[in-house]
Amino acid sequence: MSKQNKKKILVPVDGSDRALNTVRYVARVDSFRNMDIALFHVFSSVPEGYWDLEKDPRSTSTVRQVRSWEIEQRKQIKQYMEQACQFLLKAGVSPESITIKIQNRKKGIARDIIREARNGYDAVVTRRRGMTALRRIIVGSVATKLISKLTFLPLILVGKLTPNNNILLAFDGSDNAKRIVTFVGSVLGGFDYEVALLNVIRSNGEGRPEHQHILSPRA
């Protein structure tokens, strides 16, 4: 497959073990291993207000500690990204297919991810929940924001189970559902997956008009 025709996925990682599990998931999916994969981290550095302390001679020690903290955090996230990259390499992803991107936070983590996603990606793969590397606080707000704001690309939310070759597609006949089918076909086609299309019909008389003949009593 030529570089121009190769699909490209964005994998945001936050420095947590949960995000590493997302990378492991990507590494286990045959079709993903044949794509270009970008590991993307939004680095939250020290707020600008802290640097105002430099103007105060009494804060020299505090400023030194803050700078040391930021340098150490950057070092740790670089090591973390290399570890994530190794998961992909060991799974057989070619080195030229992997990109590591560490970006300073600009607008907000979710908004920065969405902005990056506009740069020619075919899908975004992320965890339902993340966990901060320092405080072990569960945060699900980023995934929630992506679900509501990332409307121009498929968003794949990864759970805990090991991926298998069985895919369930909820299909309601809408244009969005048709786009999902097209995406799944283009990504998984040729990789021996079994796909089931599920359409749920309401039984309380509130279903779509075109389904009424199915619910109506037989004469």
N, C-alpha and C. Protein backbone atom coordinates (compact mmCIF):
# COMPACT_ATOMS: atom_id res chain seq x y z
N MET A 1 0.85 -1.20 0.00
CA MET A 1 0.00 0.00 0.00
C MET A 1 0.88 1.24 0.00
N SER A 2 0.62 2.17 -0.88
CA SER A 2 1.42 3.38 -0.98
C SER A 2 1.17 4.27 0.23
N LYS A 3 2.13 5.16 0.49
CA LYS A 3 2.01 6.07 1.63
C LYS A 3 0.78 6.95 1.49
N GLN A 4 0.45 7.33 0.24
CA GLN A 4 -0.68 8.22 0.02
C GLN A 4 -2.01 7.54 0.32
N ASN A 5 -2.09 6.22 0.06
CA ASN A 5 -3.33 5.49 0.27
C ASN A 5 -3.45 4.90 1.68
N LYS A 6 -2.40 4.99 2.46
CA LYS A 6 -2.38 4.41 3.78
C LYS A 6 -3.24 5.22 4.74
N LYS A 7 -4.06 4.52 5.52
CA LYS A 7 -4.89 5.21 6.50
C LYS A 7 -4.03 5.64 7.69
N LYS A 8 -4.55 6.63 8.40
CA LYS A 8 -3.77 7.26 9.47
C LYS A 8 -4.66 7.43 10.70
N ILE A 9 -4.21 6.94 11.85
CA ILE A 9 -5.00 7.06 13.06
C ILE A 9 -4.24 7.87 14.11
N LEU A 10 -5.01 8.59 14.91
CA LEU A 10 -4.47 9.41 15.99
C LEU A 10 -4.76 8.73 17.31
N VAL A 11 -3.73 8.50 18.11
CA VAL A 11 -3.88 7.84 19.41
C VAL A 11 -3.41 8.80 20.51
N PRO A 12 -4.33 9.53 21.14
CA PRO A 12 -3.94 10.42 22.24
C PRO A 12 -3.55 9.60 23.47
N VAL A 13 -2.45 9.96 24.10
CA VAL A 13 -2.01 9.27 25.32
C VAL A 13 -1.69 10.33 26.37
N ASP A 14 -2.00 10.01 27.63
CA ASP A 14 -1.90 11.02 28.69
C ASP A 14 -0.84 10.71 29.75
N GLY A 15 -0.02 9.70 29.50
CA GLY A 15 1.00 9.36 30.48
C GLY A 15 0.56 8.31 31.48
N SER A 16 -0.63 7.75 31.31
CA SER A 16 -1.19 6.79 32.26
C SER A 16 -1.04 5.36 31.76
N ASP A 17 -1.20 4.40 32.68
CA ASP A 17 -1.20 2.99 32.31
C ASP A 17 -2.40 2.67 31.42
N ARG A 18 -3.52 3.33 31.66
CA ARG A 18 -4.71 3.10 30.84
C ARG A 18 -4.43 3.44 29.38
N ALA A 19 -3.74 4.54 29.16
CA ALA A 19 -3.43 4.94 27.79
C ALA A 19 -2.47 3.95 27.15
N LEU A 20 -1.54 3.40 27.92
CA LEU A 20 -0.65 2.37 27.38
C LEU A 20 -1.45 1.15 26.95
N ASN A 21 -2.50 0.83 27.69
CA ASN A 21 -3.36 -0.29 27.30
C ASN A 21 -4.06 0.00 25.98
N THR A 22 -4.35 1.26 25.72
CA THR A 22 -4.93 1.63 24.43
C THR A 22 -3.94 1.36 23.31
N VAL A 23 -2.68 1.69 23.54
CA VAL A 23 -1.64 1.42 22.55
C VAL A 23 -1.50 -0.08 22.33
N ARG A 24 -1.56 -0.85 23.41
CA ARG A 24 -1.50 -2.31 23.28
C ARG A 24 -2.67 -2.82 22.45
N TYR A 25 -3.84 -2.23 22.65
CA TYR A 25 -5.02 -2.61 21.87
C TYR A 25 -4.77 -2.35 20.39
N VAL A 26 -4.28 -1.17 20.07
CA VAL A 26 -3.99 -0.82 18.68
C VAL A 26 -2.99 -1.81 18.09
N ALA A 27 -2.00 -2.20 18.89
CA ALA A 27 -0.96 -3.11 18.41
C ALA A 27 -1.51 -4.51 18.12
N ARG A 28 -2.63 -4.87 18.75
CA ARG A 28 -3.20 -6.21 18.56
C ARG A 28 -4.16 -6.29 17.37
N VAL A 29 -4.61 -5.17 16.87
CA VAL A 29 -5.58 -5.16 15.77
C VAL A 29 -4.84 -5.17 14.44
N ASP A 30 -5.07 -6.23 13.65
CA ASP A 30 -4.33 -6.41 12.41
C ASP A 30 -4.38 -5.19 11.50
N SER A 31 -5.57 -4.66 11.30
CA SER A 31 -5.72 -3.55 10.36
C SER A 31 -5.00 -2.30 10.84
N PHE A 32 -5.00 -2.06 12.16
CA PHE A 32 -4.31 -0.88 12.69
C PHE A 32 -2.80 -0.97 12.46
N ARG A 33 -2.27 -2.17 12.54
CA ARG A 33 -0.82 -2.34 12.36
C ARG A 33 -0.38 -1.99 10.95
N ASN A 34 -1.32 -1.95 10.02
CA ASN A 34 -1.00 -1.60 8.64
C ASN A 34 -1.26 -0.13 8.34
N MET A 35 -1.53 0.66 9.36
CA MET A 35 -1.80 2.09 9.18
C MET A 35 -0.64 2.92 9.71
N ASP A 36 -0.66 4.21 9.37
CA ASP A 36 0.22 5.16 10.03
C ASP A 36 -0.39 5.50 11.39
N ILE A 37 0.42 5.45 12.43
CA ILE A 37 -0.07 5.66 13.80
C ILE A 37 0.67 6.84 14.43
N ALA A 38 -0.09 7.81 14.90
CA ALA A 38 0.49 8.97 15.58
C ALA A 38 0.16 8.90 17.06
N LEU A 39 1.18 8.81 17.90
CA LEU A 39 1.01 8.87 19.35
C LEU A 39 1.10 10.33 19.75
N PHE A 40 0.04 10.84 20.36
CA PHE A 40 -0.08 12.29 20.57
C PHE A 40 -0.29 12.60 22.05
N HIS A 41 0.57 13.45 22.58
CA HIS A 41 0.44 13.85 23.99
C HIS A 41 0.36 15.36 24.10
N VAL A 42 -0.62 15.83 24.85
CA VAL A 42 -0.75 17.26 25.15
C VAL A 42 -0.09 17.50 26.51
N PHE A 43 1.02 18.22 26.48
CA PHE A 43 1.79 18.44 27.71
C PHE A 43 1.28 19.68 28.43
N SER A 44 0.85 19.48 29.66
CA SER A 44 0.38 20.61 30.48
C SER A 44 1.56 21.11 31.32
N SER A 45 2.17 22.18 30.85
CA SER A 45 3.32 22.73 31.55
C SER A 45 2.86 23.63 32.70
N VAL A 46 3.79 24.24 33.35
CA VAL A 46 3.49 25.12 34.48
C VAL A 46 2.75 26.36 33.99
N PRO A 47 1.66 26.76 34.64
CA PRO A 47 0.94 27.97 34.23
C PRO A 47 1.85 29.19 34.18
N GLU A 48 1.57 30.08 33.23
CA GLU A 48 2.42 31.25 33.03
C GLU A 48 2.55 32.09 34.30
N GLY A 49 1.52 32.09 35.13
CA GLY A 49 1.56 32.90 36.34
C GLY A 49 2.73 32.56 37.25
N TYR A 50 3.18 31.30 37.19
CA TYR A 50 4.28 30.90 38.06
C TYR A 50 5.57 31.64 37.70
N TRP A 51 5.71 31.94 36.40
CA TRP A 51 6.96 32.58 35.98
C TRP A 51 7.02 34.04 36.44
N ASP A 52 5.91 34.60 36.85
CA ASP A 52 5.93 35.95 37.41
C ASP A 52 6.70 35.98 38.73
N LEU A 53 6.84 34.80 39.34
CA LEU A 53 7.58 34.73 40.60
C LEU A 53 9.05 35.08 40.42
N GLU A 54 9.54 34.97 39.17
CA GLU A 54 10.94 35.27 38.92
C GLU A 54 11.28 36.72 39.27
N LYS A 55 10.28 37.57 39.23
CA LYS A 55 10.50 38.99 39.52
C LYS A 55 10.67 39.25 41.02
N ASP A 56 10.32 38.25 41.81
CA ASP A 56 10.40 38.41 43.26
C ASP A 56 11.61 37.64 43.78
N PRO A 57 12.63 38.34 44.29
CA PRO A 57 13.84 37.67 44.77
C PRO A 57 13.56 36.63 45.85
N ARG A 58 12.48 36.82 46.59
CA ARG A 58 12.15 35.87 47.66
C ARG A 58 11.65 34.54 47.12
N SER A 59 11.33 34.49 45.83
CA SER A 59 10.75 33.28 45.24
C SER A 59 11.75 32.48 44.41
N THR A 60 13.03 32.81 44.54
CA THR A 60 14.05 32.14 43.73
C THR A 60 14.02 30.63 43.91
N SER A 61 13.90 30.19 45.14
CA SER A 61 13.88 28.75 45.42
C SER A 61 12.65 28.08 44.82
N THR A 62 11.50 28.75 44.94
CA THR A 62 10.25 28.21 44.38
C THR A 62 10.34 28.08 42.87
N VAL A 63 10.86 29.11 42.21
CA VAL A 63 10.99 29.09 40.75
C VAL A 63 11.91 27.95 40.33
N ARG A 64 12.99 27.76 41.06
CA ARG A 64 13.93 26.69 40.74
C ARG A 64 13.24 25.33 40.84
N GLN A 65 12.43 25.15 41.86
CA GLN A 65 11.72 23.88 42.03
C GLN A 65 10.71 23.65 40.91
N VAL A 66 10.02 24.73 40.53
CA VAL A 66 9.02 24.62 39.47
C VAL A 66 9.68 24.25 38.15
N ARG A 67 10.80 24.88 37.85
CA ARG A 67 11.52 24.57 36.61
C ARG A 67 12.01 23.13 36.62
N SER A 68 12.52 22.70 37.74
CA SER A 68 13.00 21.32 37.86
C SER A 68 11.86 20.33 37.66
N TRP A 69 10.70 20.67 38.22
CA TRP A 69 9.52 19.80 38.06
C TRP A 69 9.14 19.66 36.60
N GLU A 70 9.10 20.79 35.88
CA GLU A 70 8.70 20.74 34.47
C GLU A 70 9.71 19.96 33.64
N ILE A 71 10.99 20.16 33.89
CA ILE A 71 12.02 19.42 33.15
C ILE A 71 11.88 17.93 33.39
N GLU A 72 11.61 17.54 34.63
CA GLU A 72 11.46 16.13 34.96
C GLU A 72 10.21 15.54 34.30
N GLN A 73 9.12 16.31 34.28
CA GLN A 73 7.89 15.83 33.65
C GLN A 73 8.09 15.63 32.15
N ARG A 74 8.80 16.53 31.52
CA ARG A 74 9.08 16.38 30.08
C ARG A 74 9.94 15.14 29.83
N LYS A 75 10.89 14.92 30.69
CA LYS A 75 11.75 13.74 30.56
C LYS A 75 10.92 12.46 30.70
N GLN A 76 10.03 12.44 31.70
CA GLN A 76 9.21 11.26 31.93
C GLN A 76 8.26 10.98 30.77
N ILE A 77 7.66 12.03 30.20
CA ILE A 77 6.71 11.80 29.12
C ILE A 77 7.43 11.34 27.86
N LYS A 78 8.66 11.79 27.64
CA LYS A 78 9.43 11.31 26.49
C LYS A 78 9.73 9.82 26.64
N GLN A 79 10.10 9.41 27.85
CA GLN A 79 10.34 7.99 28.10
C GLN A 79 9.06 7.18 27.93
N TYR A 80 7.98 7.74 28.39
CA TYR A 80 6.67 7.09 28.26
C TYR A 80 6.29 6.90 26.80
N MET A 81 6.50 7.91 25.98
CA MET A 81 6.16 7.82 24.56
C MET A 81 7.04 6.80 23.86
N GLU A 82 8.29 6.71 24.25
CA GLU A 82 9.18 5.70 23.67
C GLU A 82 8.71 4.29 24.05
N GLN A 83 8.24 4.15 25.29
CA GLN A 83 7.70 2.86 25.73
C GLN A 83 6.49 2.48 24.90
N ALA A 84 5.60 3.43 24.67
CA ALA A 84 4.41 3.18 23.85
C ALA A 84 4.81 2.80 22.43
N CYS A 85 5.81 3.48 21.91
CA CYS A 85 6.31 3.18 20.56
C CYS A 85 6.83 1.75 20.48
N GLN A 86 7.51 1.30 21.52
CA GLN A 86 8.06 -0.05 21.53
C GLN A 86 6.97 -1.12 21.45
N PHE A 87 5.82 -0.87 22.08
CA PHE A 87 4.71 -1.81 21.97
C PHE A 87 4.32 -2.02 20.51
N LEU A 88 4.27 -0.92 19.76
CA LEU A 88 3.89 -1.00 18.35
C LEU A 88 4.97 -1.70 17.52
N LEU A 89 6.22 -1.37 17.79
CA LEU A 89 7.32 -1.98 17.04
C LEU A 89 7.37 -3.49 17.26
N LYS A 90 7.20 -3.92 18.52
CA LYS A 90 7.23 -5.35 18.83
C LYS A 90 6.06 -6.09 18.19
N ALA A 91 4.96 -5.37 17.93
CA ALA A 91 3.80 -5.99 17.29
C ALA A 91 3.95 -6.06 15.77
N GLY A 92 5.01 -5.47 15.25
CA GLY A 92 5.25 -5.55 13.82
C GLY A 92 4.97 -4.30 13.03
N VAL A 93 4.63 -3.22 13.71
CA VAL A 93 4.41 -1.95 13.01
C VAL A 93 5.77 -1.42 12.56
N SER A 94 5.85 -1.00 11.32
CA SER A 94 7.13 -0.50 10.79
C SER A 94 7.48 0.84 11.43
N PRO A 95 8.76 1.08 11.70
CA PRO A 95 9.17 2.34 12.35
C PRO A 95 8.72 3.58 11.61
N GLU A 96 8.73 3.52 10.26
CA GLU A 96 8.34 4.70 9.49
C GLU A 96 6.84 4.98 9.56
N SER A 97 6.07 4.04 10.11
CA SER A 97 4.62 4.24 10.23
C SER A 97 4.23 4.87 11.57
N ILE A 98 5.21 5.06 12.46
CA ILE A 98 4.93 5.58 13.80
C ILE A 98 5.46 7.00 13.94
N THR A 99 4.60 7.87 14.45
CA THR A 99 4.99 9.26 14.73
C THR A 99 4.71 9.57 16.19
N ILE A 100 5.67 10.19 16.85
CA ILE A 100 5.49 10.64 18.23
C ILE A 100 5.37 12.16 18.24
N LYS A 101 4.28 12.65 18.82
CA LYS A 101 4.06 14.09 18.89
C LYS A 101 3.79 14.50 20.33
N ILE A 102 4.62 15.41 20.84
CA ILE A 102 4.41 15.99 22.17
C ILE A 102 4.20 17.48 21.97
N GLN A 103 3.03 17.96 22.33
CA GLN A 103 2.67 19.36 22.08
C GLN A 103 2.30 20.05 23.38
N ASN A 104 2.78 21.25 23.56
CA ASN A 104 2.37 22.03 24.72
C ASN A 104 0.88 22.34 24.65
N ARG A 105 0.24 22.29 25.79
CA ARG A 105 -1.19 22.58 25.84
C ARG A 105 -1.46 24.01 25.37
N LYS A 106 -2.44 24.15 24.48
CA LYS A 106 -2.78 25.46 23.93
C LYS A 106 -4.17 25.90 24.37
N LYS A 107 -5.20 25.23 23.90
CA LYS A 107 -6.58 25.60 24.21
C LYS A 107 -7.18 24.74 25.32
N GLY A 108 -6.66 23.55 25.48
CA GLY A 108 -7.25 22.55 26.38
C GLY A 108 -6.97 21.19 25.78
N ILE A 109 -6.91 20.16 26.61
CA ILE A 109 -6.50 18.85 26.11
C ILE A 109 -7.43 18.35 25.02
N ALA A 110 -8.74 18.34 25.27
CA ALA A 110 -9.69 17.84 24.27
C ALA A 110 -9.66 18.70 23.01
N ARG A 111 -9.64 20.01 23.17
CA ARG A 111 -9.63 20.90 22.00
C ARG A 111 -8.34 20.76 21.20
N ASP A 112 -7.23 20.54 21.88
CA ASP A 112 -5.97 20.34 21.17
C ASP A 112 -5.97 19.02 20.40
N ILE A 113 -6.58 17.99 20.98
CA ILE A 113 -6.69 16.71 20.28
C ILE A 113 -7.55 16.87 19.03
N ILE A 114 -8.67 17.56 19.17
CA ILE A 114 -9.57 17.77 18.04
C ILE A 114 -8.87 18.57 16.94
N ARG A 115 -8.11 19.55 17.33
CA ARG A 115 -7.38 20.35 16.34
C ARG A 115 -6.36 19.49 15.60
N GLU A 116 -5.65 18.64 16.32
CA GLU A 116 -4.69 17.74 15.68
C GLU A 116 -5.40 16.75 14.76
N ALA A 117 -6.59 16.31 15.16
CA ALA A 117 -7.34 15.32 14.38
C ALA A 117 -7.72 15.83 13.00
N ARG A 118 -7.71 17.12 12.81
CA ARG A 118 -8.04 17.70 11.50
C ARG A 118 -6.89 17.60 10.50
N ASN A 119 -5.76 17.11 10.93
CA ASN A 119 -4.58 17.06 10.07
C ASN A 119 -4.47 15.75 9.29
N GLY A 120 -5.55 15.39 8.62
CA GLY A 120 -5.49 14.27 7.69
C GLY A 120 -5.64 12.89 8.28
N TYR A 121 -6.19 12.78 9.48
CA TYR A 121 -6.38 11.46 10.10
C TYR A 121 -7.69 10.83 9.62
N ASP A 122 -7.75 9.50 9.73
CA ASP A 122 -8.96 8.77 9.36
C ASP A 122 -9.79 8.37 10.57
N ALA A 123 -9.19 8.37 11.75
CA ALA A 123 -9.91 8.01 12.98
C ALA A 123 -9.08 8.40 14.19
N VAL A 124 -9.76 8.49 15.34
CA VAL A 124 -9.11 8.74 16.62
C VAL A 124 -9.41 7.56 17.53
N VAL A 125 -8.37 7.01 18.15
CA VAL A 125 -8.54 5.87 19.06
C VAL A 125 -8.12 6.31 20.45
N THR A 126 -9.02 6.20 21.42
CA THR A 126 -8.69 6.64 22.77
C THR A 126 -9.39 5.78 23.81
N ARG A 127 -9.05 6.01 25.06
CA ARG A 127 -9.62 5.28 26.19
C ARG A 127 -10.89 5.99 26.66
N ARG A 128 -11.81 5.21 27.22
CA ARG A 128 -13.01 5.83 27.78
C ARG A 128 -12.69 6.70 28.98
N ARG A 129 -11.69 6.28 29.73
CA ARG A 129 -11.26 7.07 30.89
C ARG A 129 -9.75 7.10 30.92
N GLY A 130 -9.21 8.21 31.43
CA GLY A 130 -7.78 8.31 31.61
C GLY A 130 -7.47 8.42 33.09
N MET A 131 -6.20 8.50 33.40
CA MET A 131 -5.82 8.67 34.80
C MET A 131 -4.55 9.50 34.85
N THR A 132 -4.54 10.55 35.62
CA THR A 132 -3.38 11.41 35.67
C THR A 132 -2.17 10.64 36.18
N ALA A 133 -1.02 10.95 35.64
CA ALA A 133 0.19 10.23 35.99
C ALA A 133 0.64 10.53 37.42
N LEU A 134 0.29 11.71 37.96
CA LEU A 134 0.81 12.11 39.26
C LEU A 134 -0.15 11.82 40.40
N ARG A 135 -1.44 12.12 40.22
CA ARG A 135 -2.36 12.09 41.35
C ARG A 135 -3.30 10.90 41.33
N ARG A 136 -3.24 10.07 40.31
CA ARG A 136 -4.09 8.88 40.23
C ARG A 136 -5.56 9.24 40.35
N ILE A 137 -5.94 10.33 39.74
CA ILE A 137 -7.34 10.76 39.76
C ILE A 137 -7.99 10.37 38.44
N ILE A 138 -9.09 9.66 38.52
CA ILE A 138 -9.79 9.25 37.31
C ILE A 138 -10.44 10.45 36.66
N VAL A 139 -10.21 10.63 35.39
CA VAL A 139 -10.82 11.74 34.66
C VAL A 139 -11.42 11.22 33.37
N GLY A 140 -12.71 11.44 33.18
CA GLY A 140 -13.37 10.99 31.98
C GLY A 140 -13.83 12.13 31.11
N SER A 141 -13.50 13.36 31.53
CA SER A 141 -14.04 14.52 30.83
C SER A 141 -13.49 14.66 29.42
N VAL A 142 -12.25 14.25 29.18
CA VAL A 142 -11.66 14.38 27.84
C VAL A 142 -12.41 13.51 26.85
N ALA A 143 -12.65 12.25 27.21
CA ALA A 143 -13.40 11.36 26.32
C ALA A 143 -14.81 11.88 26.10
N THR A 144 -15.43 12.40 27.15
CA THR A 144 -16.79 12.94 27.02
C THR A 144 -16.81 14.12 26.04
N LYS A 145 -15.83 14.99 26.14
CA LYS A 145 -15.75 16.14 25.23
C LYS A 145 -15.50 15.69 23.80
N LEU A 146 -14.67 14.68 23.63
CA LEU A 146 -14.40 14.18 22.28
C LEU A 146 -15.65 13.59 21.66
N ILE A 147 -16.44 12.87 22.46
CA ILE A 147 -17.67 12.28 21.95
C ILE A 147 -18.61 13.35 21.43
N SER A 148 -18.70 14.46 22.13
CA SER A 148 -19.66 15.51 21.75
C SER A 148 -19.11 16.47 20.69
N LYS A 149 -17.80 16.64 20.64
CA LYS A 149 -17.21 17.66 19.76
C LYS A 149 -16.53 17.10 18.52
N LEU A 150 -16.06 15.87 18.59
CA LEU A 150 -15.35 15.29 17.44
C LEU A 150 -16.37 14.65 16.51
N THR A 151 -16.91 15.44 15.61
CA THR A 151 -18.02 15.00 14.75
C THR A 151 -17.59 14.73 13.32
N PHE A 152 -16.37 15.02 12.97
CA PHE A 152 -15.93 14.90 11.58
C PHE A 152 -15.10 13.65 11.30
N LEU A 153 -14.82 12.85 12.36
CA LEU A 153 -14.04 11.63 12.20
C LEU A 153 -14.63 10.53 13.08
N PRO A 154 -14.41 9.26 12.72
CA PRO A 154 -14.79 8.17 13.62
C PRO A 154 -13.97 8.24 14.90
N LEU A 155 -14.63 8.06 16.03
CA LEU A 155 -13.97 8.02 17.34
C LEU A 155 -14.13 6.63 17.91
N ILE A 156 -13.02 5.95 18.13
CA ILE A 156 -13.04 4.57 18.64
C ILE A 156 -12.65 4.60 20.11
N LEU A 157 -13.58 4.18 20.99
CA LEU A 157 -13.33 4.14 22.42
C LEU A 157 -12.96 2.72 22.83
N VAL A 158 -11.83 2.58 23.46
CA VAL A 158 -11.29 1.27 23.80
C VAL A 158 -11.67 0.89 25.22
N GLY A 159 -12.13 -0.35 25.39
CA GLY A 159 -12.45 -0.87 26.71
C GLY A 159 -11.33 -1.75 27.24
N LYS A 160 -11.67 -2.68 28.12
CA LYS A 160 -10.66 -3.50 28.78
C LYS A 160 -10.43 -4.85 28.10
N LEU A 161 -11.43 -5.36 27.38
CA LEU A 161 -11.31 -6.70 26.83
C LEU A 161 -10.33 -6.76 25.67
N THR A 162 -9.69 -7.91 25.53
CA THR A 162 -8.78 -8.13 24.41
C THR A 162 -9.57 -8.14 23.11
N PRO A 163 -9.10 -7.45 22.07
CA PRO A 163 -9.85 -7.43 20.81
C PRO A 163 -9.94 -8.80 20.17
N ASN A 164 -11.07 -9.06 19.51
CA ASN A 164 -11.22 -10.30 18.76
C ASN A 164 -11.72 -9.95 17.36
N ASN A 165 -12.08 -10.96 16.60
CA ASN A 165 -12.47 -10.73 15.20
C ASN A 165 -13.97 -10.66 15.00
N ASN A 166 -14.71 -10.38 16.06
CA ASN A 166 -16.16 -10.24 15.96
C ASN A 166 -16.56 -8.79 16.20
N ILE A 167 -17.29 -8.22 15.25
CA ILE A 167 -17.68 -6.81 15.31
C ILE A 167 -19.20 -6.70 15.30
N LEU A 168 -19.75 -5.93 16.24
CA LEU A 168 -21.18 -5.67 16.28
C LEU A 168 -21.42 -4.21 15.90
N LEU A 169 -22.21 -3.99 14.86
CA LEU A 169 -22.54 -2.64 14.42
C LEU A 169 -24.02 -2.37 14.68
N ALA A 170 -24.30 -1.37 15.49
CA ALA A 170 -25.69 -0.94 15.70
C ALA A 170 -26.07 -0.07 14.50
N PHE A 171 -27.10 -0.49 13.78
CA PHE A 171 -27.45 0.16 12.51
C PHE A 171 -28.91 0.59 12.53
N ASP A 172 -29.14 1.91 12.37
CA ASP A 172 -30.51 2.41 12.38
C ASP A 172 -30.96 2.96 11.03
N GLY A 173 -30.13 2.76 10.01
CA GLY A 173 -30.50 3.21 8.68
C GLY A 173 -30.19 4.67 8.40
N SER A 174 -29.64 5.37 9.38
CA SER A 174 -29.33 6.80 9.20
C SER A 174 -28.07 6.97 8.36
N ASP A 175 -27.85 8.20 7.91
CA ASP A 175 -26.64 8.48 7.13
C ASP A 175 -25.38 8.23 7.95
N ASN A 176 -25.42 8.58 9.23
CA ASN A 176 -24.26 8.34 10.09
C ASN A 176 -23.97 6.85 10.23
N ALA A 177 -25.04 6.06 10.36
CA ALA A 177 -24.86 4.61 10.46
C ALA A 177 -24.26 4.05 9.18
N LYS A 178 -24.69 4.57 8.05
CA LYS A 178 -24.13 4.12 6.77
C LYS A 178 -22.65 4.47 6.67
N ARG A 179 -22.29 5.63 7.20
CA ARG A 179 -20.88 6.02 7.18
C ARG A 179 -20.04 5.10 8.06
N ILE A 180 -20.64 4.65 9.17
CA ILE A 180 -19.93 3.71 10.04
C ILE A 180 -19.66 2.41 9.31
N VAL A 181 -20.67 1.92 8.60
CA VAL A 181 -20.51 0.67 7.85
C VAL A 181 -19.41 0.82 6.80
N THR A 182 -19.42 1.95 6.11
CA THR A 182 -18.40 2.21 5.10
C THR A 182 -17.01 2.25 5.72
N PHE A 183 -16.90 2.92 6.87
CA PHE A 183 -15.60 3.01 7.55
C PHE A 183 -15.12 1.64 7.98
N VAL A 184 -15.98 0.86 8.62
CA VAL A 184 -15.59 -0.47 9.09
C VAL A 184 -15.16 -1.35 7.91
N GLY A 185 -15.90 -1.27 6.81
CA GLY A 185 -15.53 -2.05 5.63
C GLY A 185 -14.17 -1.66 5.08
N SER A 186 -13.89 -0.36 5.07
CA SER A 186 -12.62 0.10 4.53
C SER A 186 -11.44 -0.23 5.44
N VAL A 187 -11.70 -0.32 6.74
CA VAL A 187 -10.63 -0.58 7.70
C VAL A 187 -10.41 -2.07 7.94
N LEU A 188 -11.49 -2.82 8.04
CA LEU A 188 -11.38 -4.23 8.42
C LEU A 188 -11.49 -5.19 7.24
N GLY A 189 -11.87 -4.68 6.08
CA GLY A 189 -12.01 -5.54 4.92
C GLY A 189 -10.72 -6.27 4.59
N GLY A 190 -10.82 -7.59 4.38
CA GLY A 190 -9.65 -8.38 4.04
C GLY A 190 -8.89 -8.93 5.23
N PHE A 191 -9.40 -8.70 6.45
CA PHE A 191 -8.70 -9.16 7.65
C PHE A 191 -9.47 -10.24 8.41
N ASP A 192 -10.39 -10.91 7.74
CA ASP A 192 -11.10 -12.06 8.31
C ASP A 192 -11.88 -11.71 9.58
N TYR A 193 -12.63 -10.62 9.53
CA TYR A 193 -13.51 -10.24 10.63
C TYR A 193 -14.93 -10.67 10.32
N GLU A 194 -15.67 -11.02 11.37
CA GLU A 194 -17.09 -11.30 11.23
C GLU A 194 -17.86 -10.09 11.76
N VAL A 195 -18.73 -9.54 10.93
CA VAL A 195 -19.46 -8.33 11.29
C VAL A 195 -20.95 -8.62 11.35
N ALA A 196 -21.59 -8.26 12.46
CA ALA A 196 -23.04 -8.41 12.61
C ALA A 196 -23.68 -7.03 12.64
N LEU A 197 -24.70 -6.84 11.82
CA LEU A 197 -25.46 -5.59 11.82
C LEU A 197 -26.70 -5.78 12.68
N LEU A 198 -26.88 -4.92 13.67
CA LEU A 198 -28.02 -5.03 14.59
C LEU A 198 -28.92 -3.81 14.44
N ASN A 199 -30.18 -4.06 14.14
CA ASN A 199 -31.17 -2.99 14.09
C ASN A 199 -32.25 -3.29 15.11
N VAL A 200 -32.43 -2.40 16.07
CA VAL A 200 -33.41 -2.59 17.14
C VAL A 200 -34.68 -1.84 16.78
N ILE A 201 -35.81 -2.55 16.74
CA ILE A 201 -37.10 -1.96 16.40
C ILE A 201 -37.94 -1.83 17.67
N ARG A 202 -38.43 -0.64 17.92
CA ARG A 202 -39.27 -0.43 19.10
C ARG A 202 -40.56 -1.24 18.98
N SER A 203 -41.02 -1.76 20.10
CA SER A 203 -42.26 -2.55 20.09
C SER A 203 -43.42 -1.79 20.71
N ASN A 204 -43.25 -0.50 20.96
CA ASN A 204 -44.31 0.27 21.62
C ASN A 204 -45.06 1.18 20.66
N GLY A 205 -44.89 0.90 19.38
CA GLY A 205 -45.61 1.70 18.39
C GLY A 205 -44.94 3.00 18.03
N GLU A 206 -43.74 3.23 18.56
CA GLU A 206 -43.05 4.49 18.30
C GLU A 206 -41.90 4.32 17.31
N GLY A 207 -41.89 3.19 16.63
CA GLY A 207 -40.81 2.96 15.68
C GLY A 207 -40.93 3.84 14.46
N ARG A 208 -39.94 3.73 13.58
CA ARG A 208 -39.93 4.53 12.37
C ARG A 208 -41.06 4.09 11.45
N PRO A 209 -41.65 5.02 10.70
CA PRO A 209 -42.81 4.70 9.84
C PRO A 209 -42.56 3.54 8.89
N GLU A 210 -41.36 3.47 8.33
CA GLU A 210 -41.08 2.41 7.35
C GLU A 210 -41.03 1.02 7.97
N HIS A 211 -41.05 0.97 9.33
CA HIS A 211 -41.02 -0.33 10.00
C HIS A 211 -42.40 -0.74 10.52
N GLN A 212 -43.41 0.08 10.32
CA GLN A 212 -44.72 -0.18 10.89
C GLN A 212 -45.33 -1.48 10.38
N HIS A 213 -45.03 -1.83 9.12
CA HIS A 213 -45.63 -3.05 8.57
C HIS A 213 -45.12 -4.30 9.30
N ILE A 214 -43.95 -4.17 9.93
CA ILE A 214 -43.40 -5.30 10.67
C ILE A 214 -44.13 -5.46 12.00
N LEU A 215 -44.51 -4.33 12.60
CA LEU A 215 -45.15 -4.35 13.91
C LEU A 215 -46.65 -4.55 13.84
N SER A 216 -47.26 -4.28 12.68
CA SER A 216 -48.71 -4.35 12.57
C SER A 216 -49.18 -5.80 12.66
N PRO A 217 -50.34 -6.04 13.32
CA PRO A 217 -50.89 -7.39 13.41
C PRO A 217 -51.25 -7.91 12.02
N ARG A 218 -51.07 -9.19 11.84
CA ARG A 218 -51.44 -9.80 10.56
C ARG A 218 -52.95 -9.87 10.42
N ALA A 219 -53.41 -9.69 9.21
CA ALA A 219 -54.85 -9.76 8.94
C ALA A 219 -55.35 -11.18 9.09
